[in-house]
Protein backbone atom coordinates (compact mmCIF):
# COMPACT_ATOMS: atom_id res chain seq x y z
CA UNK A 1 16.68 14.56 11.90
CA UNK A 2 15.17 10.89 11.87
CA UNK A 3 15.72 8.69 8.84
CA UNK A 4 12.78 7.25 6.93
CA UNK A 5 14.20 3.41 8.95
CA UNK A 6 13.95 5.07 11.89
CA UNK A 7 10.83 6.89 11.98
CA UNK A 8 8.82 3.50 10.85
CA UNK A 9 10.71 1.46 13.93
CA UNK A 10 9.94 3.79 16.16
CA UNK A 11 6.26 3.06 15.09
CA UNK A 12 6.79 -0.33 15.63
CA UNK A 13 7.58 -1.91 12.41
CA UNK A 14 10.17 -3.79 10.74
CA UNK A 15 12.02 -2.59 7.73
CA UNK A 16 12.06 -5.35 5.09
CA UNK A 17 13.78 -2.78 1.66
CA UNK A 18 15.40 -0.18 4.08
CA UNK A 19 13.77 3.23 2.66
CA UNK A 20 11.02 0.96 0.68
CA UNK A 21 9.27 -1.51 3.20
CA UNK A 22 8.15 -1.30 6.48
CA UNK A 23 5.96 -3.88 7.88
CA UNK A 24 3.89 -4.57 11.48
CA UNK A 25 1.83 -6.96 12.83
CA UNK A 26 -1.28 -6.20 13.98
CA UNK A 27 -2.98 -9.31 14.16
CA UNK A 28 -2.35 -13.22 14.11
CA UNK A 29 -3.90 -12.71 10.30
CA UNK A 30 -2.95 -9.31 9.65
CA UNK A 31 -0.72 -6.97 9.41
CA UNK A 32 0.08 -2.42 7.83
CA UNK A 33 2.52 -2.15 4.89
CA UNK A 34 4.27 0.92 3.83
CA UNK A 35 5.98 0.42 0.00
CA UNK A 36 8.09 3.29 -1.23
CA UNK A 37 8.12 3.29 -4.95
CA UNK A 38 10.01 5.68 -7.54
CA UNK A 39 8.40 7.87 -9.54
CA UNK A 40 10.13 9.73 -12.50
CA UNK A 41 8.78 13.15 -12.93
CA UNK A 42 6.14 14.01 -10.61
CA UNK A 43 4.02 17.21 -9.62
CA UNK A 44 4.15 19.33 -7.05
CA UNK A 45 1.78 20.94 -4.61
CA UNK A 46 0.61 23.34 -6.73
CA UNK A 47 -0.26 20.39 -9.59
CA UNK A 48 2.89 21.98 -11.39
CA UNK A 49 4.90 18.63 -13.32
CA UNK A 50 8.41 18.29 -12.98
CA UNK A 51 10.75 16.43 -15.30
CA UNK A 52 13.59 14.86 -15.41
CA UNK A 53 13.59 14.14 -11.29
CA UNK A 54 12.62 11.83 -9.09
CA UNK A 55 10.85 11.46 -6.01
CA UNK A 56 9.99 8.77 -3.33
CA UNK A 57 6.28 7.84 -2.60
CA UNK A 58 5.00 5.93 -0.73
CA UNK A 59 1.49 3.45 -0.84
CA UNK A 60 0.04 2.74 2.33
CA UNK A 61 -2.05 -0.19 3.81
CA UNK A 62 -3.78 -2.94 6.18
CA UNK A 63 -3.71 -6.09 4.25
CA UNK A 64 -5.37 -9.09 5.87
CA UNK A 65 -4.15 -12.93 4.54
CA UNK A 66 -6.10 -15.94 5.44
CA UNK A 67 -5.47 -19.23 7.14
CA UNK A 68 -6.89 -21.45 5.40
CA UNK A 69 -5.94 -20.54 2.52
CA UNK A 70 -1.78 -20.68 2.60
CA UNK A 71 -1.89 -17.65 4.09
CA UNK A 72 -2.55 -15.77 0.71
CA UNK A 73 -3.56 -12.57 1.33
CA UNK A 74 -7.68 -12.16 0.42
CA UNK A 75 -7.88 -8.50 1.24
CA UNK A 76 -6.77 -5.28 1.59
CA UNK A 77 -7.69 -1.13 2.23
CA UNK A 78 -5.16 1.38 1.11
CA UNK A 79 -5.45 4.82 3.61
CA UNK A 80 -3.47 6.29 1.35
CA UNK A 81 -1.32 5.98 -2.29
CA UNK A 82 2.05 8.02 -4.01
CA UNK A 83 1.70 10.20 -1.02
CA UNK A 84 4.94 12.15 0.57
CA UNK A 85 6.57 10.35 3.34
CA UNK A 86 5.37 13.32 6.06
CA UNK A 87 1.32 12.42 5.02
CA UNK A 88 2.23 8.33 4.96
CA UNK A 89 3.87 9.13 8.51
CA UNK A 90 1.36 11.15 9.67
CA UNK A 91 -1.82 8.49 8.82
CA UNK A 92 0.48 5.81 9.62
CA UNK A 93 0.27 7.45 13.58
CA UNK A 94 -3.18 8.27 13.36
CA UNK A 95 -4.09 4.93 12.53
CA UNK A 96 -2.02 2.97 15.33
CA UNK A 97 -3.10 5.96 17.95
CA UNK A 98 -6.94 5.24 16.92
CA UNK A 99 -6.45 1.42 17.86
CA UNK A 100 -4.45 2.14 21.22
CA UNK A 101 -8.05 3.53 21.81
CA UNK A 102 -10.06 1.26 20.80
CA UNK A 103 -8.48 -1.67 22.52
CA UNK A 104 -8.44 0.91 25.84
CA UNK A 105 -11.45 0.99 25.27
CA UNK A 106 -13.30 -2.06 24.40
CA UNK A 107 -14.30 -1.62 21.01
């Protein structure tokens, strides 16, 4: 089984903080970011609250920075929030596939 770090590296991401922060530049002023956070007590897929336990959940977003504002983040688009690693990896893979198709078709 592949570790989270290796899974993101295979998709071209840099590991910022192992298991917690992953980044990938996709343009001169644009990057994809995945951030993990440990949640205490969480809901299962069926909606049941599990207390006294913790789970890593991830947020996946695209951040844009503006050159004239000292590289300050000016906009971001969130693709999923507090999701399982499987869901985030699936969304990231889908995003990268669509991006590659657009480049191939010149869109």
